[in-house]
PDB file of N, CA and C in Angstrom:
ATOM      1  N   LEU A   1      93.063 100.947  98.242  1.00  0.00           N
ATOM      2  CA  LEU A   1      93.328 102.234  98.460  1.00  0.00           C
ATOM      3  C   LEU A   1      92.740 102.880  97.095  1.00  0.00           C
ATOM      4  N   THR A   2      92.098 103.858  97.337  1.00  0.00           N
ATOM      5  CA  THR A   2      91.469 104.663  96.428  1.00  0.00           C
ATOM      6  C   THR A   2      91.968 106.186  96.288  1.00  0.00           C
ATOM      7  N   LEU A   3      92.773 106.543  95.345  1.00  0.00           N
ATOM      8  CA  LEU A   3      93.107 107.986  95.139  1.00  0.00           C
ATOM      9  C   LEU A   3      92.360 108.479  93.736  1.00  0.00           C
ATOM     10  N   GLY A   4      91.463 109.596  93.739  1.00  0.00           N
ATOM     11  CA  GLY A   4      91.079 109.950  92.535  1.00  0.00           C
ATOM     12  C   GLY A   4      90.309 108.777  91.595  1.00  0.00           C
ATOM     13  N   ASP A   5      90.851 108.589  90.309  1.00  0.00           N
ATOM     14  CA  ASP A   5      90.487 107.459  89.725  1.00  0.00           C
ATOM     15  C   ASP A   5      91.059 106.047  89.693  1.00  0.00           C
ATOM     16  N   SER A   6      92.368 106.156  90.537  1.00  0.00           N
ATOM     17  CA  SER A   6      93.117 105.168  90.571  1.00  0.00           C
ATOM     18  C   SER A   6      92.843 103.981  91.824  1.00  0.00           C
ATOM     19  N   SER A   7      92.950 102.918  91.879  1.00  0.00           N
ATOM     20  CA  SER A   7      92.852 102.063  92.918  1.00  0.00           C
ATOM     21  C   SER A   7      93.853 100.851  92.865  1.00  0.00           C
ATOM     22  N   ARG A   8      94.380 100.822  94.046  1.00  0.00           N
ATOM     23  CA  ARG A   8      95.511  99.989  94.555  1.00  0.00           C
ATOM     24  C   ARG A   8      95.068  98.712  95.575  1.00  0.00           C
ATOM     25  N   ARG A   9      95.165  97.431  95.601  1.00  0.00           N
ATOM     26  CA  ARG A   9      95.320  96.598  96.494  1.00  0.00           C
ATOM     27  C   ARG A   9      96.331  96.760  97.270  1.00  0.00           C
ATOM     28  N   LEU A  10      96.422  96.949  98.594  1.00  0.00           N
ATOM     29  CA  LEU A  10      97.393  96.710  99.630  1.00  0.00           C
ATOM     30  C   LEU A  10      97.587  95.455 100.025  1.00  0.00           C
ATOM     31  N   THR A  11      98.902  95.239 100.512  1.00  0.00           N
ATOM     32  CA  THR A  11      99.359  93.910 101.025  1.00  0.00           C
ATOM     33  C   THR A  11      98.614  94.353 102.595  1.00  0.00           C
ATOM     34  N   THR A  12      98.693  92.944 103.264  1.00  0.00           N
ATOM     35  CA  THR A  12      98.257  92.986 104.741  1.00  0.00           C
ATOM     36  C   THR A  12      99.160  93.808 105.602  1.00  0.00           C
ATOM     37  N   LYS A  13     100.403  93.881 105.306  1.00  0.00           N
ATOM     38  CA  LYS A  13     101.632  95.041 106.155  1.00  0.00           C
ATOM     39  C   LYS A  13     101.211  96.375 105.557  1.00  0.00           C
ATOM     40  N   GLU A  14     101.041  96.594 104.417  1.00  0.00           N
ATOM     41  CA  GLU A  14     100.727  98.098 104.089  1.00  0.00           C
ATOM     42  C   GLU A  14      99.494  98.448 104.656  1.00  0.00           C
ATOM     43  N   THR A  15      98.362  97.774 104.594  1.00  0.00           N
ATOM     44  CA  THR A  15      97.159  98.198 105.268  1.00  0.00           C
ATOM     45  C   THR A  15      97.375  98.140 106.819  1.00  0.00           C
ATOM     46  N   GLU A  16      98.040  97.342 107.485  1.00  0.00           N
ATOM     47  CA  GLU A  16      98.495  97.804 108.911  1.00  0.00           C
ATOM     48  C   GLU A  16      99.145  98.994 109.402  1.00  0.00           C
ATOM     49  N   LEU A  17     100.129  99.197 108.278  1.00  0.00           N
ATOM     50  CA  LEU A  17     101.111 100.400 108.669  1.00  0.00           C
ATOM     51  C   LEU A  17     100.191 101.665 108.159  1.00  0.00           C
ATOM     52  N   LEU A  18      99.320 101.629 107.216  1.00  0.00           N
ATOM     53  CA  LEU A  18      98.564 102.877 107.091  1.00  0.00           C
ATOM     54  C   LEU A  18      97.559 103.045 107.844  1.00  0.00           C
ATOM     55  N   LYS A  19      97.056 102.018 108.360  1.00  0.00           N
ATOM     56  CA  LYS A  19      96.060 102.067 109.191  1.00  0.00           C
ATOM     57  C   LYS A  19      96.487 102.577 110.716  1.00  0.00           C
ATOM     58  N   HIS A  20      97.712 102.290 111.166  1.00  0.00           N
ATOM     59  CA  HIS A  20      98.160 103.040 112.426  1.00  0.00           C
ATOM     60  C   HIS A  20      98.980 104.436 112.091  1.00  0.00           C
ATOM     61  N   LEU A  21      99.261 104.680 110.758  1.00  0.00           N
ATOM     62  CA  LEU A  21      99.661 106.265 110.395  1.00  0.00           C
ATOM     63  C   LEU A  21      98.225 106.949 110.394  1.00  0.00           C
ATOM     64  N   CYS A  22      97.121 106.401 109.813  1.00  0.00           N
ATOM     65  CA  CYS A  22      95.790 107.296 109.941  1.00  0.00           C
ATOM     66  C   CYS A  22      95.341 107.354 111.269  1.00  0.00           C
ATOM     67  N   ILE A  23      95.322 106.244 112.226  1.00  0.00           N
ATOM     68  CA  ILE A  23      95.179 106.548 113.805  1.00  0.00           C
ATOM     69  C   ILE A  23      95.856 107.544 114.082  1.00  0.00           C
ATOM     70  N   ASN A  24      96.881 107.791 113.884  1.00  0.00           N
ATOM     71  CA  ASN A  24      98.063 109.087 114.696  1.00  0.00           C
ATOM     72  C   ASN A  24      98.169 109.977 113.353  1.00  0.00           C
ATOM     73  N   LYS A  25      97.104 110.385 112.796  1.00  0.00           N
ATOM     74  CA  LYS A  25      97.214 111.361 111.577  1.00  0.00           C
ATOM     75  C   LYS A  25      97.579 112.615 112.338  1.00  0.00           C
ATOM     76  N   ASN A  26      98.838 113.235 111.674  1.00  0.00           N
ATOM     77  CA  ASN A  26      99.184 114.693 112.032  1.00  0.00           C
ATOM     78  C   ASN A  26      99.998 114.390 113.502  1.00  0.00           C
ATOM     79  N   ALA A  27     100.211 113.405 113.828  1.00  0.00           N
ATOM     80  CA  ALA A  27     100.984 112.996 115.122  1.00  0.00           C
ATOM     81  C   ALA A  27     102.106 111.825 114.720  1.00  0.00           C
ATOM     82  N   VAL A  28     102.898 111.718 115.717  1.00  0.00           N
ATOM     83  CA  VAL A  28     104.207 110.917 115.570  1.00  0.00           C
ATOM     84  C   VAL A  28     103.520 109.278 115.734  1.00  0.00           C
ATOM     85  N   LEU A  29     103.703 108.646 114.921  1.00  0.00           N
ATOM     86  CA  LEU A  29     103.582 106.874 115.298  1.00  0.00           C
ATOM     87  C   LEU A  29     105.131 106.451 115.294  1.00  0.00           C
ATOM     88  N   ASP A  30     105.314 106.100 116.675  1.00  0.00           N
ATOM     89  CA  ASP A  30     106.332 105.655 116.983  1.00  0.00           C
ATOM     90  C   ASP A  30     106.912 104.478 116.481  1.00  0.00           C
ATOM     91  N   ARG A  31     108.123 104.416 115.778  1.00  0.00           N
ATOM     92  CA  ARG A  31     108.919 103.406 115.286  1.00  0.00           C
ATOM     93  C   ARG A  31     108.513 102.304 115.917  1.00  0.00           C
ATOM     94  N   ASN A  32     108.981 101.792 117.100  1.00  0.00           N
ATOM     95  CA  ASN A  32     109.234 100.751 118.063  1.00  0.00           C
ATOM     96  C   ASN A  32     107.682 100.057 118.005  1.00  0.00           C
ATOM     97  N   PHE A  33     106.900 101.012 118.593  1.00  0.00           N
ATOM     98  CA  PHE A  33     105.476 100.653 118.276  1.00  0.00           C
ATOM     99  C   PHE A  33     105.250 100.004 117.214  1.00  0.00           C
ATOM    100  N   ALA A  34     105.198 100.587 115.958  1.00  0.00           N
ATOM    101  CA  ALA A  34     104.796 100.120 114.858  1.00  0.00           C
ATOM    102  C   ALA A  34     105.369  98.764 114.519  1.00  0.00           C
ATOM    103  N   LEU A  35     106.627  98.650 114.912  1.00  0.00           N
ATOM    104  CA  LEU A  35     107.248  97.608 114.611  1.00  0.00           C
ATOM    105  C   LEU A  35     106.822  96.255 115.354  1.00  0.00           C
ATOM    106  N   LYS A  36     106.479  96.490 116.508  1.00  0.00           N
ATOM    107  CA  LYS A  36     105.914  95.466 117.393  1.00  0.00           C
ATOM    108  C   LYS A  36     104.584  95.056 117.145  1.00  0.00           C
ATOM    109  N   ALA A  37     103.941  96.201 116.871  1.00  0.00           N
ATOM    110  CA  ALA A  37     102.375  96.001 116.446  1.00  0.00           C
ATOM    111  C   ALA A  37     102.106  95.034 115.228  1.00  0.00           C
ATOM    112  N   ILE A  38     103.239  95.253 114.108  1.00  0.00           N
ATOM    113  CA  ILE A  38     102.927  94.774 112.780  1.00  0.00           C
ATOM    114  C   ILE A  38     103.921  93.426 112.667  1.00  0.00           C
ATOM    115  N   TRP A  39     105.236  93.875 113.217  1.00  0.00           N
ATOM    116  CA  TRP A  39     106.083  92.836 112.717  1.00  0.00           C
ATOM    117  C   TRP A  39     106.308  91.873 113.713  1.00  0.00           C
ATOM    118  N   ILE A  40     105.748  92.150 115.126  1.00  0.00           N
ATOM    119  CA  ILE A  40     105.965  91.636 116.435  1.00  0.00           C
ATOM    120  C   ILE A  40     107.274  91.812 116.984  1.00  0.00           C
ATOM    121  N   ASP A  41     108.239  92.184 116.372  1.00  0.00           N
ATOM    122  CA  ASP A  41     109.512  92.378 117.185  1.00  0.00           C
ATOM    123  C   ASP A  41     110.376  93.505 116.285  1.00  0.00           C
ATOM    124  N   ASP A  42     111.040  94.264 116.997  1.00  0.00           N
ATOM    125  CA  ASP A  42     111.723  95.642 116.320  1.00  0.00           C
ATOM    126  C   ASP A  42     113.040  95.293 116.186  1.00  0.00           C
ATOM    127  N   SER A  43     113.545  93.874 115.346  1.00  0.00           N
ATOM    128  CA  SER A  43     114.635  93.749 114.960  1.00  0.00           C
ATOM    129  C   SER A  43     115.376  94.551 113.762  1.00  0.00           C
ATOM    130  N   TYR A  44     116.454  94.761 113.552  1.00  0.00           N
ATOM    131  CA  TYR A  44     117.118  95.699 112.432  1.00  0.00           C
ATOM    132  C   TYR A  44     116.411  95.192 111.301  1.00  0.00           C
ATOM    133  N   PHE A  45     116.342  93.799 110.960  1.00  0.00           N
ATOM    134  CA  PHE A  45     115.956  93.569 109.510  1.00  0.00           C
ATOM    135  C   PHE A  45     114.068  93.959 109.481  1.00  0.00           C
ATOM    136  N   ASN A  46     113.572  93.567 110.269  1.00  0.00           N
ATOM    137  CA  ASN A  46     111.992  94.019 110.558  1.00  0.00           C
ATOM    138  C   ASN A  46     111.977  95.853 110.070  1.00  0.00           C
ATOM    139  N   ALA A  47     113.045  96.532 110.880  1.00  0.00           N
ATOM    140  CA  ALA A  47     113.076  97.963 110.747  1.00  0.00           C
ATOM    141  C   ALA A  47     113.230  98.313 109.453  1.00  0.00           C
ATOM    142  N   ARG A  48     114.111  97.449 108.565  1.00  0.00           N
ATOM    143  CA  ARG A  48     114.430  97.782 107.272  1.00  0.00           C
ATOM    144  C   ARG A  48     113.225  97.412 106.345  1.00  0.00           C
ATOM    145  N   SER A  49     112.640  96.523 106.473  1.00  0.00           N
ATOM    146  CA  SER A  49     111.468  96.192 105.693  1.00  0.00           C
ATOM    147  C   SER A  49     110.345  97.101 106.187  1.00  0.00           C
ATOM    148  N   MET A  50     110.152  97.910 107.386  1.00  0.00           N
ATOM    149  CA  MET A  50     109.324  98.543 107.367  1.00  0.00           C
ATOM    150  C   MET A  50     109.486  99.864 106.787  1.00  0.00           C
ATOM    151  N   ASP A  51     110.874 100.486 106.661  1.00  0.00           N
ATOM    152  CA  ASP A  51     111.345 101.596 105.575  1.00  0.00           C
ATOM    153  C   ASP A  51     110.983 101.226 104.222  1.00  0.00           C
ATOM    154  N   VAL A  52     110.816  99.947 103.778  1.00  0.00           N
ATOM    155  CA  VAL A  52     110.435  99.490 102.497  1.00  0.00           C
ATOM    156  C   VAL A  52     108.882  99.821 102.008  1.00  0.00           C
ATOM    157  N   TYR A  53     108.229  99.441 103.108  1.00  0.00           N
ATOM    158  CA  TYR A  53     106.429  99.662 103.228  1.00  0.00           C
ATOM    159  C   TYR A  53     106.486 101.146 103.311  1.00  0.00           C
ATOM    160  N   ILE A  54     107.264 101.994 104.013  1.00  0.00           N
ATOM    161  CA  ILE A  54     106.888 103.383 104.045  1.00  0.00           C
ATOM    162  C   ILE A  54     107.209 104.072 102.600  1.00  0.00           C
ATOM    163  N   THR A  55     108.176 103.559 102.144  1.00  0.00           N
ATOM    164  CA  THR A  55     108.461 104.110 100.759  1.00  0.00           C
ATOM    165  C   THR A  55     107.601 103.583  99.519  1.00  0.00           C
ATOM    166  N   LYS A  56     106.925 102.642  99.810  1.00  0.00           N
ATOM    167  CA  LYS A  56     105.649 102.182  99.074  1.00  0.00           C
ATOM    168  C   LYS A  56     104.682 103.093  99.155  1.00  0.00           C
ATOM    169  N   LEU A  57     104.363 103.127 100.660  1.00  0.00           N
ATOM    170  CA  LEU A  57     103.321 103.830 100.926  1.00  0.00           C
ATOM    171  C   LEU A  57     103.252 105.360 100.544  1.00  0.00           C
ATOM    172  N   ARG A  58     104.481 105.970 100.527  1.00  0.00           N
ATOM    173  CA  ARG A  58     104.529 107.413 100.069  1.00  0.00           C
ATOM    174  C   ARG A  58     104.362 107.552  98.537  1.00  0.00           C
ATOM    175  N   LYS A  59     104.752 106.581  97.757  1.00  0.00           N
ATOM    176  CA  LYS A  59     104.779 106.366  96.511  1.00  0.00           C
ATOM    177  C   LYS A  59     103.330 106.179  95.844  1.00  0.00           C
ATOM    178  N   TYR A  60     102.337 105.432  96.702  1.00  0.00           N
ATOM    179  CA  TYR A  60     101.099 105.321  96.564  1.00  0.00           C
ATOM    180  C   TYR A  60     100.251 106.664  96.820  1.00  0.00           C
ATOM    181  N   LEU A  61     100.786 107.323  97.749  1.00  0.00           N
ATOM    182  CA  LEU A  61      99.831 108.524  98.235  1.00  0.00           C
ATOM    183  C   LEU A  61     100.316 109.516  97.424  1.00  0.00           C
ATOM    184  N   SER A  62     101.486 109.518  96.709  1.00  0.00           N
ATOM    185  CA  SER A  62     102.222 110.873  96.179  1.00  0.00           C
ATOM    186  C   SER A  62     101.178 111.245  95.178  1.00  0.00           C
ATOM    187  N   GLU A  63     100.143 110.526  94.981  1.00  0.00           N
ATOM    188  CA  GLU A  63      98.951 111.329  93.988  1.00  0.00           C
ATOM    189  C   GLU A  63      98.200 112.364  94.612  1.00  0.00           C
ATOM    190  N   ASP A  64      98.151 112.217  95.681  1.00  0.00           N
ATOM    191  CA  ASP A  64      97.236 113.467  96.414  1.00  0.00           C
ATOM    192  C   ASP A  64      98.384 114.349  97.351  1.00  0.00           C
ATOM    193  N   PRO A  65      98.264 115.493  96.719  1.00  0.00           N
ATOM    194  CA  PRO A  65      99.200 116.712  97.095  1.00  0.00           C
ATOM    195  C   PRO A  65      98.835 117.095  98.613  1.00  0.00           C
ATOM    196  N   ASN A  66      97.370 116.635  99.237  1.00  0.00           N
ATOM    197  CA  ASN A  66      97.245 117.184 100.591  1.00  0.00           C
ATOM    198  C   ASN A  66      97.659 115.912 101.389  1.00  0.00           C
ATOM    199  N   VAL A  67      98.607 115.014 101.200  1.00  0.00           N
ATOM    200  CA  VAL A  67      99.061 113.818 102.086  1.00  0.00           C
ATOM    201  C   VAL A  67     100.359 113.739 102.018  1.00  0.00           C
ATOM    202  N   GLU A  68     101.101 113.333 103.034  1.00  0.00           N
ATOM    203  CA  GLU A  68     102.582 113.054 103.095  1.00  0.00           C
ATOM    204  C   GLU A  68     102.780 112.175 104.413  1.00  0.00           C
ATOM    205  N   ILE A  69     103.797 111.434 104.130  1.00  0.00           N
ATOM    206  CA  ILE A  69     104.420 110.751 105.297  1.00  0.00           C
ATOM    207  C   ILE A  69     105.828 111.150 105.372  1.00  0.00           C
ATOM    208  N   ILE A  70     106.241 111.689 106.602  1.00  0.00           N
ATOM    209  CA  ILE A  70     107.294 112.217 106.922  1.00  0.00           C
ATOM    210  C   ILE A  70     108.272 111.533 107.881  1.00  0.00           C
ATOM    211  N   ASN A  71     109.605 111.553 107.882  1.00  0.00           N
ATOM    212  CA  ASN A  71     110.192 111.014 109.003  1.00  0.00           C
ATOM    213  C   ASN A  71     110.321 111.837 110.103  1.00  0.00           C
ATOM    214  N   VAL A  72     110.282 111.404 111.165  1.00  0.00           N
ATOM    215  CA  VAL A  72     110.384 112.122 112.534  1.00  0.00           C
ATOM    216  C   VAL A  72     111.786 111.669 113.114  1.00  0.00           C
ATOM    217  N   ARG A  73     112.960 112.079 112.969  1.00  0.00           N
ATOM    218  CA  ARG A  73     114.380 111.717 113.386  1.00  0.00           C
ATOM    219  C   ARG A  73     114.208 111.311 114.722  1.00  0.00           C
ATOM    220  N   GLY A  74     114.614 109.978 115.017  1.00  0.00           N
ATOM    221  CA  GLY A  74     114.747 109.176 116.453  1.00  0.00           C
ATOM    222  C   GLY A  74     113.564 108.916 117.130  1.00  0.00           C
ATOM    223  N   LYS A  75     112.429 109.317 116.146  1.00  0.00           N
ATOM    224  CA  LYS A  75     111.036 108.757 116.742  1.00  0.00           C
ATOM    225  C   LYS A  75     110.295 107.944 115.894  1.00  0.00           C
ATOM    226  N   GLY A  76     109.900 108.422 114.643  1.00  0.00           N
ATOM    227  CA  GLY A  76     108.842 107.324 114.040  1.00  0.00           C
ATOM    228  C   GLY A  76     108.740 108.178 112.694  1.00  0.00           C
ATOM    229  N   PHE A  77     107.356 108.065 112.151  1.00  0.00           N
ATOM    230  CA  PHE A  77     106.628 108.723 111.149  1.00  0.00           C
ATOM    231  C   PHE A  77     105.573 109.591 111.486  1.00  0.00           C
ATOM    232  N   LYS A  78     105.326 110.378 110.520  1.00  0.00           N
ATOM    233  CA  LYS A  78     103.892 111.296 110.802  1.00  0.00           C
ATOM    234  C   LYS A  78     103.365 111.356 109.402  1.00  0.00           C
ATOM    235  N   LEU A  79     101.944 110.842 109.518  1.00  0.00           N
ATOM    236  CA  LEU A  79     101.124 111.316 108.287  1.00  0.00           C
ATOM    237  C   LEU A  79     100.644 112.618 108.228  1.00  0.00           C
ATOM    238  N   LEU A  80     100.896 113.295 107.514  1.00  0.00           N
ATOM    239  CA  LEU A  80     100.497 114.794 107.413  1.00  0.00           C
ATOM    240  C   LEU A  80      99.255 115.014 106.268  1.00  0.00           C
ATOM    241  N   SER A  81      98.229 115.302 106.842  1.00  0.00           N
ATOM    242  CA  SER A  81      97.136 115.630 106.115  1.00  0.00           C
ATOM    243  C   SER A  81      96.433 116.923 106.103  1.00  0.00           C
ATOM    244  N   GLN A  82      96.090 117.745 105.000  1.00  0.00           N
ATOM    245  CA  GLN A  82      95.696 118.700 104.998  1.00  0.00           C
ATOM    246  C   GLN A  82      93.983 118.948 105.125  1.00  0.00           C
ATOM    247  N   THR A  83      93.658 117.814 105.109  1.00  0.00           N
ATOM    248  CA  THR A  83      91.945 117.691 104.865  1.00  0.00           C
ATOM    249  C   THR A  83      91.426 117.280 106.265  1.00  0.00           C
TER     250      THR A  83
END
């Protein structure tokens, strides 16, 4: 992941999650779909793990004010991009 002058190597799960968010840019990425696609099942523990990855991605992307990951209560996540 490269933003400006900084570059960061993402883990496999970070990459998969960011890929799904990008595919659904400015639309809701269904939480259960992402869990099943990336973690194979939607158990409580995998859901908590995904929340940690979302937090990491938010931190990485915070360097770009045009990009934001938001929660859509009861549905999933949305990658908002102004570009």
